[in-house]
C-alpha atoms as a PDB file:
ATOM      1  CA  MET A   1      89.623 122.906  92.071  1.00  0.00           C
ATOM      2  CA  ALA A   2      85.657 123.820  90.571  1.00  0.00           C
ATOM      3  CA  ASP A   3      84.989 126.498  88.063  1.00  0.00           C
ATOM      4  CA  GLY A   4      83.824 129.732  88.806  1.00  0.00           C
ATOM      5  CA  ILE A   5      80.084 130.754  88.700  1.00  0.00           C
ATOM      6  CA  ILE A   6      78.914 132.006  85.349  1.00  0.00           C
ATOM      7  CA  ARG A   7      76.147 134.899  85.413  1.00  0.00           C
ATOM      8  CA  VAL A   8      74.361 136.045  82.238  1.00  0.00           C
ATOM      9  CA  GLY A   9      72.501 139.094  82.162  1.00  0.00           C
ATOM     10  CA  VAL A  10      71.484 142.588  80.547  1.00  0.00           C
ATOM     11  CA  GLY A  11      71.203 146.356  81.417  1.00  0.00           C
ATOM     12  CA  GLY A  12      67.945 147.219  83.288  1.00  0.00           C
ATOM     13  CA  TRP A  13      64.921 145.443  83.157  1.00  0.00           C
ATOM     14  CA  THR A  14      62.408 148.584  82.135  1.00  0.00           C
ATOM     15  CA  TYR A  15      62.212 149.129  78.515  1.00  0.00           C
ATOM     16  CA  GLU A  16      59.102 149.507  76.614  1.00  0.00           C
ATOM     17  CA  PRO A  17      60.211 147.567  73.548  1.00  0.00           C
ATOM     18  CA  TRP A  18      60.808 144.399  75.208  1.00  0.00           C
ATOM     19  CA  ARG A  19      56.989 144.368  76.030  1.00  0.00           C
ATOM     20  CA  GLY A  20      55.355 142.297  74.362  1.00  0.00           C
ATOM     21  CA  SER A  21      58.709 140.348  73.165  1.00  0.00           C
ATOM     22  CA  PHE A  22      60.771 139.903  76.283  1.00  0.00           C
ATOM     23  CA  TYR A  23      57.738 140.345  78.110  1.00  0.00           C
ATOM     24  CA  PRO A  24      54.676 138.857  77.797  1.00  0.00           C
ATOM     25  CA  ASP A  25      51.533 141.183  76.538  1.00  0.00           C
ATOM     26  CA  GLY A  26      49.474 142.299  79.298  1.00  0.00           C
ATOM     27  CA  LEU A  27      52.088 141.621  81.914  1.00  0.00           C
ATOM     28  CA  ALA A  28      52.029 144.608  84.599  1.00  0.00           C
ATOM     29  CA  GLN A  29      55.120 146.872  84.870  1.00  0.00           C
ATOM     30  CA  LYS A  30      55.599 146.237  88.536  1.00  0.00           C
ATOM     31  CA  ARG A  31      56.110 141.876  87.549  1.00  0.00           C
ATOM     32  CA  GLU A  32      58.573 143.065  84.797  1.00  0.00           C
ATOM     33  CA  LEU A  33      61.978 142.581  86.927  1.00  0.00           C
ATOM     34  CA  GLY A  34      60.001 138.539  88.437  1.00  0.00           C
ATOM     35  CA  HIS A  35      60.082 137.814  85.092  1.00  0.00           C
ATOM     36  CA  ALA A  36      63.440 138.943  84.082  1.00  0.00           C
ATOM     37  CA  SER A  37      65.014 137.544  86.778  1.00  0.00           C
ATOM     38  CA  ARG A  38      63.858 133.822  86.253  1.00  0.00           C
ATOM     39  CA  HIS A  39      64.712 133.936  82.868  1.00  0.00           C
ATOM     40  CA  LEU A  40      68.024 135.698  83.325  1.00  0.00           C
ATOM     41  CA  THR A  41      70.558 135.241  86.090  1.00  0.00           C
ATOM     42  CA  SER A  42      71.743 138.948  86.742  1.00  0.00           C
ATOM     43  CA  ILE A  43      70.999 142.262  85.973  1.00  0.00           C
ATOM     44  CA  GLU A  44      73.063 145.863  86.206  1.00  0.00           C
ATOM     45  CA  VAL A  45      71.126 148.322  87.370  1.00  0.00           C
ATOM     46  CA  ASN A  46      72.133 151.431  85.666  1.00  0.00           C
ATOM     47  CA  GLY A  47      69.616 153.914  87.924  1.00  0.00           C
ATOM     48  CA  THR A  48      72.183 154.123  90.654  1.00  0.00           C
ATOM     49  CA  TYR A  49      74.304 156.010  88.182  1.00  0.00           C
ATOM     50  CA  TYR A  50      72.232 158.833  87.738  1.00  0.00           C
ATOM     51  CA  GLY A  51      70.902 159.197  91.455  1.00  0.00           C
ATOM     52  CA  SER A  52      70.709 157.334  94.579  1.00  0.00           C
ATOM     53  CA  GLN A  53      68.285 154.780  95.766  1.00  0.00           C
ATOM     54  CA  LYS A  54      65.786 154.449  98.366  1.00  0.00           C
ATOM     55  CA  PRO A  55      66.644 151.760 100.625  1.00  0.00           C
ATOM     56  CA  ASP A  56      63.235 150.085 100.015  1.00  0.00           C
ATOM     57  CA  SER A  57      64.338 149.670  96.587  1.00  0.00           C
ATOM     58  CA  PHE A  58      67.298 147.611  97.291  1.00  0.00           C
ATOM     59  CA  ARG A  59      65.448 145.315  99.606  1.00  0.00           C
ATOM     60  CA  LYS A  60      62.432 145.444  96.927  1.00  0.00           C
ATOM     61  CA  TRP A  61      64.934 143.903  93.962  1.00  0.00           C
ATOM     62  CA  HIS A  62      65.612 141.498  96.664  1.00  0.00           C
ATOM     63  CA  ASP A  63      62.710 140.048  97.474  1.00  0.00           C
ATOM     64  CA  GLU A  64      61.343 139.997  94.377  1.00  0.00           C
ATOM     65  CA  THR A  65      63.954 137.685  92.314  1.00  0.00           C
ATOM     66  CA  PRO A  66      64.914 134.043  93.242  1.00  0.00           C
ATOM     67  CA  GLU A  67      67.507 133.457  95.521  1.00  0.00           C
ATOM     68  CA  ASP A  68      70.459 132.397  93.229  1.00  0.00           C
ATOM     69  CA  PHE A  69      70.063 135.713  91.468  1.00  0.00           C
ATOM     70  CA  VAL A  70      73.037 138.670  91.374  1.00  0.00           C
ATOM     71  CA  PHE A  71      72.861 142.455  90.512  1.00  0.00           C
ATOM     72  CA  SER A  72      75.651 144.417  89.785  1.00  0.00           C
ATOM     73  CA  LEU A  73      75.461 148.139  90.345  1.00  0.00           C
ATOM     74  CA  LYS A  74      76.743 151.148  88.297  1.00  0.00           C
ATOM     75  CA  ALA A  75      78.304 153.289  90.899  1.00  0.00           C
ATOM     76  CA  PRO A  76      77.505 157.218  91.043  1.00  0.00           C
ATOM     77  CA  ARG A  77      78.319 159.231  88.417  1.00  0.00           C
ATOM     78  CA  PHE A  78      79.304 161.730  90.912  1.00  0.00           C
ATOM     79  CA  ALA A  79      82.471 159.731  92.324  1.00  0.00           C
ATOM     80  CA  THR A  80      83.595 158.816  88.889  1.00  0.00           C
ATOM     81  CA  ASN A  81      83.024 161.755  86.566  1.00  0.00           C
ATOM     82  CA  ARG A  82      85.123 164.596  88.165  1.00  0.00           C
ATOM     83  CA  LYS A  83      88.459 166.160  87.769  1.00  0.00           C
ATOM     84  CA  VAL A  84      89.840 164.957  90.758  1.00  0.00           C
ATOM     85  CA  LEU A  85      89.629 161.045  91.324  1.00  0.00           C
ATOM     86  CA  ALA A  86      90.908 161.105  94.928  1.00  0.00           C
ATOM     87  CA  ASP A  87      88.718 163.171  95.822  1.00  0.00           C
ATOM     88  CA  ALA A  88      85.619 161.413  95.388  1.00  0.00           C
ATOM     89  CA  GLY A  89      85.465 160.198  99.198  1.00  0.00           C
ATOM     90  CA  GLU A  90      82.215 161.616 100.455  1.00  0.00           C
ATOM     91  CA  SER A  91      80.759 160.153  96.991  1.00  0.00           C
ATOM     92  CA  VAL A  92      82.109 156.557  97.128  1.00  0.00           C
ATOM     93  CA  SER A  93      80.538 156.470 101.166  1.00  0.00           C
ATOM     94  CA  ARG A  94      77.193 157.894 100.638  1.00  0.00           C
ATOM     95  CA  PHE A  95      76.777 155.676  98.175  1.00  0.00           C
ATOM     96  CA  PHE A  96      77.703 152.468 100.486  1.00  0.00           C
ATOM     97  CA  ASP A  97      74.991 154.870 103.036  1.00  0.00           C
ATOM     98  CA  SER A  98      72.133 154.251 100.827  1.00  0.00           C
ATOM     99  CA  GLY A  99      71.103 150.669 101.457  1.00  0.00           C
ATOM    100  CA  VAL A 100      73.000 148.870  98.954  1.00  0.00           C
ATOM    101  CA  ALA A 101      74.084 145.992 101.698  1.00  0.00           C
ATOM    102  CA  LEU A 102      70.116 145.553 102.227  1.00  0.00           C
ATOM    103  CA  LEU A 103      70.516 143.314  98.530  1.00  0.00           C
ATOM    104  CA  ASP A 104      72.735 140.492 101.158  1.00  0.00           C
ATOM    105  CA  ASP A 105      74.154 137.856  99.166  1.00  0.00           C
ATOM    106  CA  LYS A 106      72.518 139.413  95.495  1.00  0.00           C
ATOM    107  CA  LEU A 107      75.184 141.765  95.864  1.00  0.00           C
ATOM    108  CA  GLY A 108      77.357 141.326  92.608  1.00  0.00           C
ATOM    109  CA  PRO A 109      80.382 143.884  91.523  1.00  0.00           C
ATOM    110  CA  ILE A 110      79.818 147.339  91.719  1.00  0.00           C
ATOM    111  CA  ASN A 111      80.909 148.933  88.072  1.00  0.00           C
ATOM    112  CA  TRP A 112      82.906 152.134  88.136  1.00  0.00           C
ATOM    113  CA  GLN A 113      82.371 153.703  85.677  1.00  0.00           C
ATOM    114  CA  PHE A 114      84.673 156.594  83.267  1.00  0.00           C
ATOM    115  CA  MET A 115      83.574 158.948  80.694  1.00  0.00           C
ATOM    116  CA  ALA A 116      85.609 158.247  77.542  1.00  0.00           C
ATOM    117  CA  THR A 117      86.913 161.603  78.098  1.00  0.00           C
ATOM    118  CA  LYS A 118      89.030 160.533  81.591  1.00  0.00           C
ATOM    119  CA  LYS A 119      92.721 159.873  80.926  1.00  0.00           C
ATOM    120  CA  PHE A 120      94.983 157.530  83.238  1.00  0.00           C
ATOM    121  CA  ASP A 121      96.691 159.571  85.448  1.00  0.00           C
ATOM    122  CA  PRO A 122      98.786 156.861  87.937  1.00  0.00           C
ATOM    123  CA  GLU A 123      98.708 158.610  91.021  1.00  0.00           C
ATOM    124  CA  ASP A 124      94.568 159.748  90.877  1.00  0.00           C
ATOM    125  CA  PHE A 125      93.822 156.664  89.894  1.00  0.00           C
ATOM    126  CA  ALA A 126      95.821 155.161  92.385  1.00  0.00           C
ATOM    127  CA  GLY A 127      93.901 157.309  94.903  1.00  0.00           C
ATOM    128  CA  PHE A 128      90.721 156.661  93.801  1.00  0.00           C
ATOM    129  CA  LEU A 129      91.420 153.060  94.035  1.00  0.00           C
ATOM    130  CA  LYS A 130      92.353 153.225  97.664  1.00  0.00           C
ATOM    131  CA  LEU A 131      88.694 154.977  98.685  1.00  0.00           C
ATOM    132  CA  LEU A 132      86.840 151.576  97.745  1.00  0.00           C
ATOM    133  CA  PRO A 133      86.068 149.830 100.359  1.00  0.00           C
ATOM    134  CA  PRO A 134      86.455 146.246 101.408  1.00  0.00           C
ATOM    135  CA  GLU A 135      83.420 146.093 102.367  1.00  0.00           C
ATOM    136  CA  ALA A 136      80.107 147.981 103.472  1.00  0.00           C
ATOM    137  CA  HIS A 137      77.894 147.492 106.413  1.00  0.00           C
ATOM    138  CA  GLY A 138      78.942 143.849 106.667  1.00  0.00           C
ATOM    139  CA  GLN A 139      78.718 142.796 103.043  1.00  0.00           C
ATOM    140  CA  ARG A 140      81.633 142.211 101.252  1.00  0.00           C
ATOM    141  CA  LEU A 141      81.754 144.556  97.890  1.00  0.00           C
ATOM    142  CA  ARG A 142      83.567 143.807  94.734  1.00  0.00           C
ATOM    143  CA  HIS A 143      84.375 146.384  92.350  1.00  0.00           C
ATOM    144  CA  ALA A 144      85.380 146.635  88.580  1.00  0.00           C
ATOM    145  CA  VAL A 145      86.457 149.608  86.767  1.00  0.00           C
ATOM    146  CA  GLU A 146      84.978 150.484  83.179  1.00  0.00           C
ATOM    147  CA  VAL A 147      87.491 152.520  81.266  1.00  0.00           C
ATOM    148  CA  ARG A 148      87.113 154.117  77.943  1.00  0.00           C
ATOM    149  CA  HIS A 149      90.176 155.860  76.947  1.00  0.00           C
ATOM    150  CA  ASP A 150      93.078 154.034  74.941  1.00  0.00           C
ATOM    151  CA  SER A 151      95.363 155.915  77.663  1.00  0.00           C
ATOM    152  CA  PHE A 152      94.531 152.926  79.897  1.00  0.00           C
ATOM    153  CA  ARG A 153      95.481 150.061  77.773  1.00  0.00           C
ATOM    154  CA  VAL A 154      99.173 150.315  79.802  1.00  0.00           C
ATOM    155  CA  LEU A 155     100.549 147.727  82.083  1.00  0.00           C
ATOM    156  CA  GLU A 156     100.854 150.253  84.780  1.00  0.00           C
ATOM    157  CA  PHE A 157      96.691 150.476  84.696  1.00  0.00           C
ATOM    158  CA  VAL A 158      96.700 146.572  84.935  1.00  0.00           C
ATOM    159  CA  ASP A 159      99.469 146.272  87.952  1.00  0.00           C
ATOM    160  CA  LEU A 160      97.435 149.416  89.744  1.00  0.00           C
ATOM    161  CA  CYS A 161      94.052 147.291  89.661  1.00  0.00           C
ATOM    162  CA  ARG A 162      95.571 143.741  90.437  1.00  0.00           C
ATOM    163  CA  GLU A 163      97.668 145.483  93.435  1.00  0.00           C
ATOM    164  CA  HIS A 164      93.533 146.653  94.744  1.00  0.00           C
ATOM    165  CA  GLY A 165      91.943 143.306  93.530  1.00  0.00           C
ATOM    166  CA  VAL A 166      89.876 145.132  91.562  1.00  0.00           C
ATOM    167  CA  ALA A 167      88.438 144.342  87.805  1.00  0.00           C
ATOM    168  CA  ILE A 168      88.635 145.888  84.627  1.00  0.00           C
ATOM    169  CA  ILE A 169      85.907 145.713  82.885  1.00  0.00           C
ATOM    170  CA  ILE A 170      86.182 143.734  79.271  1.00  0.00           C
ATOM    171  CA  SER A 171      84.370 145.932  77.080  1.00  0.00           C
ATOM    172  CA  ALA A 172      83.557 144.032  73.484  1.00  0.00           C
ATOM    173  CA  ASP A 173      81.790 144.602  70.311  1.00  0.00           C
ATOM    174  CA  GLY A 174      81.437 148.421  70.600  1.00  0.00           C
ATOM    175  CA  GLU A 175      83.550 151.477  70.392  1.00  0.00           C
ATOM    176  CA  PHE A 176      85.735 151.417  73.940  1.00  0.00           C
ATOM    177  CA  PRO A 177      89.054 149.788  73.858  1.00  0.00           C
ATOM    178  CA  GLN A 178      89.122 146.386  75.359  1.00  0.00           C
ATOM    179  CA  ILE A 179      91.669 145.699  78.058  1.00  0.00           C
ATOM    180  CA  ALA A 180      90.664 141.838  78.561  1.00  0.00           C
ATOM    181  CA  ASP A 181      93.721 141.474  81.718  1.00  0.00           C
ATOM    182  CA  LEU A 182      92.331 139.296  84.399  1.00  0.00           C
ATOM    183  CA  THR A 183      92.891 141.336  87.556  1.00  0.00           C
ATOM    184  CA  THR A 184      91.265 139.641  90.710  1.00  0.00           C
ATOM    185  CA  ASP A 185      88.988 136.788  91.470  1.00  0.00           C
ATOM    186  CA  PHE A 186      85.959 137.375  89.041  1.00  0.00           C
ATOM    187  CA  VAL A 187      85.510 138.817  85.316  1.00  0.00           C
ATOM    188  CA  TYR A 188      82.985 141.578  84.542  1.00  0.00           C
ATOM    189  CA  ALA A 189      82.493 141.638  80.286  1.00  0.00           C
ATOM    190  CA  ARG A 190      80.312 143.829  78.303  1.00  0.00           C
ATOM    191  CA  ILE A 191      79.331 142.984  75.209  1.00  0.00           C
ATOM    192  CA  MET A 192      77.769 145.659  72.671  1.00  0.00           C
ATOM    193  CA  GLY A 193      77.139 144.276  69.770  1.00  0.00           C
ATOM    194  CA  THR A 194      73.765 143.226  69.139  1.00  0.00           C
ATOM    195  CA  LYS A 195      72.410 143.765  65.635  1.00  0.00           C
ATOM    196  CA  ALA A 196      68.040 144.098  64.973  1.00  0.00           C
ATOM    197  CA  ASP A 197      68.173 141.610  62.220  1.00  0.00           C
ATOM    198  CA  HIS A 198      69.196 138.821  64.402  1.00  0.00           C
ATOM    199  CA  PRO A 199      66.547 137.339  66.334  1.00  0.00           C
ATOM    200  CA  GLU A 200      68.647 136.616  69.053  1.00  0.00           C
ATOM    201  CA  GLY A 201      71.050 139.522  68.434  1.00  0.00           C
ATOM    202  CA  TYR A 202      74.392 137.791  67.769  1.00  0.00           C
ATOM    203  CA  ASP A 203      74.397 134.777  65.040  1.00  0.00           C
ATOM    204  CA  ASP A 204      75.196 131.299  65.642  1.00  0.00           C
ATOM    205  CA  LYS A 205      78.949 131.782  65.650  1.00  0.00           C
ATOM    206  CA  ALA A 206      79.656 134.976  67.954  1.00  0.00           C
ATOM    207  CA  LEU A 207      77.060 133.437  70.184  1.00  0.00           C
ATOM    208  CA  ASP A 208      79.257 130.113  70.773  1.00  0.00           C
ATOM    209  CA  GLN A 209      81.905 132.352  71.035  1.00  0.00           C
ATOM    210  CA  TRP A 210      81.111 134.322  73.773  1.00  0.00           C
ATOM    211  CA  ALA A 211      79.703 131.267  75.409  1.00  0.00           C
ATOM    212  CA  ALA A 212      83.096 129.613  75.599  1.00  0.00           C
ATOM    213  CA  ARG A 213      84.625 132.383  76.643  1.00  0.00           C
ATOM    214  CA  ALA A 214      82.676 132.876  79.512  1.00  0.00           C
ATOM    215  CA  ARG A 215      83.190 128.891  80.082  1.00  0.00           C
ATOM    216  CA  SER A 216      87.080 129.597  79.495  1.00  0.00           C
ATOM    217  CA  TRP A 217      87.231 132.923  81.957  1.00  0.00           C
ATOM    218  CA  ALA A 218      85.121 130.244  84.579  1.00  0.00           C
ATOM    219  CA  ALA A 219      87.926 127.636  84.238  1.00  0.00           C
ATOM    220  CA  GLY A 220      90.829 130.400  84.934  1.00  0.00           C
ATOM    221  CA  ASP A 221      92.074 130.750  81.151  1.00  0.00           C
ATOM    222  CA  SER A 222      92.484 134.086  79.303  1.00  0.00           C
ATOM    223  CA  PRO A 223      90.839 133.239  75.949  1.00  0.00           C
ATOM    224  CA  ASP A 224      91.987 134.106  72.786  1.00  0.00           C
ATOM    225  CA  GLY A 225      91.097 136.387  70.507  1.00  0.00           C
ATOM    226  CA  LEU A 226      90.711 139.409  72.820  1.00  0.00           C
ATOM    227  CA  ASP A 227      93.041 142.101  73.747  1.00  0.00           C
ATOM    228  CA  TYR A 228      95.091 142.303  76.685  1.00  0.00           C
ATOM    229  CA  ALA A 229      97.868 145.354  78.255  1.00  0.00           C
ATOM    230  CA  GLY A 230      99.736 142.000  79.274  1.00  0.00           C
ATOM    231  CA  LYS A 231     100.557 138.445  78.657  1.00  0.00           C
ATOM    232  CA  ALA A 232      97.411 136.547  78.530  1.00  0.00           C
ATOM    233  CA  ALA A 233      97.866 133.662  81.131  1.00  0.00           C
ATOM    234  CA  LYS A 234      96.147 130.858  83.186  1.00  0.00           C
ATOM    235  CA  THR A 235      95.183 131.997  86.403  1.00  0.00           C
ATOM    236  CA  THR A 236      92.393 130.264  88.677  1.00  0.00           C
ATOM    237  CA  PRO A 237      88.740 129.783  88.178  1.00  0.00           C
ATOM    238  CA  ARG A 238      86.582 133.028  88.007  1.00  0.00           C
ATOM    239  CA  ASP A 239      83.095 134.159  88.821  1.00  0.00           C
ATOM    240  CA  VAL A 240      82.048 135.757  85.708  1.00  0.00           C
ATOM    241  CA  PHE A 241      79.558 138.268  85.086  1.00  0.00           C
ATOM    242  CA  LEU A 242      78.411 139.319  81.584  1.00  0.00           C
ATOM    243  CA  TYR A 243      75.654 141.426  80.324  1.00  0.00           C
ATOM    244  CA  VAL A 244      74.585 141.689  76.728  1.00  0.00           C
ATOM    245  CA  ILE A 245      74.365 146.031  76.783  1.00  0.00           C
ATOM    246  CA  SER A 246      73.571 148.859  73.957  1.00  0.00           C
ATOM    247  CA  GLY A 247      73.846 147.391  70.469  1.00  0.00           C
ATOM    248  CA  ALA A 248      70.529 147.083  69.723  1.00  0.00           C
ATOM    249  CA  LYS A 249      68.975 147.369  73.106  1.00  0.00           C
ATOM    250  CA  GLU A 250      65.397 145.239  71.931  1.00  0.00           C
ATOM    251  CA  ARG A 251      67.664 142.090  71.301  1.00  0.00           C
ATOM    252  CA  ASN A 252      69.632 141.722  74.519  1.00  0.00           C
ATOM    253  CA  PRO A 253      67.046 140.225  76.070  1.00  0.00           C
ATOM    254  CA  GLN A 254      67.378 137.418  73.560  1.00  0.00           C
ATOM    255  CA  ALA A 255      70.884 137.404  73.696  1.00  0.00           C
ATOM    256  CA  ALA A 256      71.415 136.783  76.902  1.00  0.00           C
ATOM    257  CA  MET A 257      68.596 133.511  77.106  1.00  0.00           C
ATOM    258  CA  ALA A 258      70.610 132.367  73.616  1.00  0.00           C
ATOM    259  CA  LEU A 259      74.085 132.466  75.683  1.00  0.00           C
ATOM    260  CA  LEU A 260      72.658 130.989  79.213  1.00  0.00           C
ATOM    261  CA  ARG A 261      71.064 128.458  76.968  1.00  0.00           C
ATOM    262  CA  ARG A 262      74.329 127.287  75.284  1.00  0.00           C
ATOM    263  CA  LEU A 263      75.900 127.389  78.652  1.00  0.00           C
ATOM    264  CA  GLY A 264      73.405 124.510  79.924  1.00  0.00           C
ATOM    265  CA  GLN A 265      71.850 127.463  82.518  1.00  0.00           C
ATOM    266  CA  LYS A 266      68.247 127.438  80.474  1.00  0.00           C
ATOM    267  CA  ASP A 267      66.056 125.570  78.975  1.00  0.00           C
END
């Protein structure tokens, strides 16, 4: 069986400190997505977390990027930042009716991100996962949850995600708890440890390690050195979405490009 596809990127593409470092001097802002999408293989869109986007925006993003490029979208905070998650049905439906499917084959996973104060309530979280549709407007959907409270680091949560075919986002090199258990047919990782004093954000050892982990996930392995709620095990090949987020944000594109070079995907 062939290994899964590995995609590496950053969060968003509009960031002033990237101009003159990642983006060439004088590059028009309207061309920044085109530039970023030709040096990376995916981008996690943050704007969808804060408010609805117009259908024309999704269509434009699709048309400005290469054929094999993929966007991951952060789901709206109105769905996840609430006391009773099982009541989020209207927000979930509104999001998928906003034009998300216009990304077509460039639509990657949806990141349902929860605040660090949100604790694991098994019954309510199960109710929320039931709200996540398998498809929208003819487009298959892949869902991932980013939980940030230690109470989620239990087998009950892992089993619940596995039952619903939802990925647990693997957080690394930052302040949030890590749950590296694999629960569906793709892996979604967000690494947050870039340093300003490294030209490529991470040192060579760390970049080599993350490239090796990405290959391991794609081959169906559970890499050593990560925190699991259960027992790490050999599984089946999975697509991998790896994003360099936070940390020294001005270095994140360089870190992502360095990983792609190690993976043999970019010069």
